[in-house]
Amino acid sequence: MLYCSHLTLGIEACFVCEKDSVGGDPSREPDMLCCRYCPSVRVDSLSGPELLKHMAAHILHDVWLRDVDNICGLCLSSTGDCCIYLVKKGKTITISKEKSRCPNFRQVKLKAASTHTTNSPSSNHPMTCPLCPSNSPAIWKYNLRQHIQTVHPTANVNLYQQNFQISDAERVLLKAVLLAKPRILKKRRWQQDGMLISELHSTRMVLR
């Protein structure tokens, strides 16, 4: 079902047409050009490190994702459709572009992605589960604890804490990333029959 609204302010008009999302959850919206939870942030304009940082902030602190498991670190999907594979080339482990699936796929450097710094606070990265077969899909660091508890219930999860542990500094810095004012898309206007049409309005923004 589609909702449309029309608002005329004498200067420009606003037309909104959006698809319903279950429970009002914007993650069900299919437009992958923008972050699922930040309509003003275009993921295609973000570099690999910037994308990982932005998504990590949502995973750790966004209330929409509080009870969601198995979240993709590149697009925030939890449906299981995204799948990242790692390959070893010599002594270097990289992400397989051929086997991996994600609408926001980036070829990021795993060593840099796994290292927490002030400018790049996220250490969330795809990694090999120590308990899965070597040819299994990678598990994102932020998901590893839940993965072990769910897929390997007889394992002592505390033995692998160093693999998924998140420092307090990382959490604090990523909270600041989430609370920061999002970048706003440049305003675009079209002239149609003498009426200016504004694109910077969204019922989703009101609901947020």
Foldseek 3Di string as FASTA:
>chain_A
DWDWDWDDDPAFIEIEIADDDVVLQQLPGDPQQAQSQDNFHGLVVDAPLRQLLLQVLCCLDPPSNPPAAQADSRRRDRPPPWFWAWDDDPNAIWIDPVPTDDPRDDGDRLVVLLDADLVRHHNWDFDCQPPDPNGGTTGTLCRNLVCCCPVVVVDDSVVCCVSNPHDPVSNVSSPVVVPDDDHGDDWDWDQDPNHTYTPPDYPSVVVD
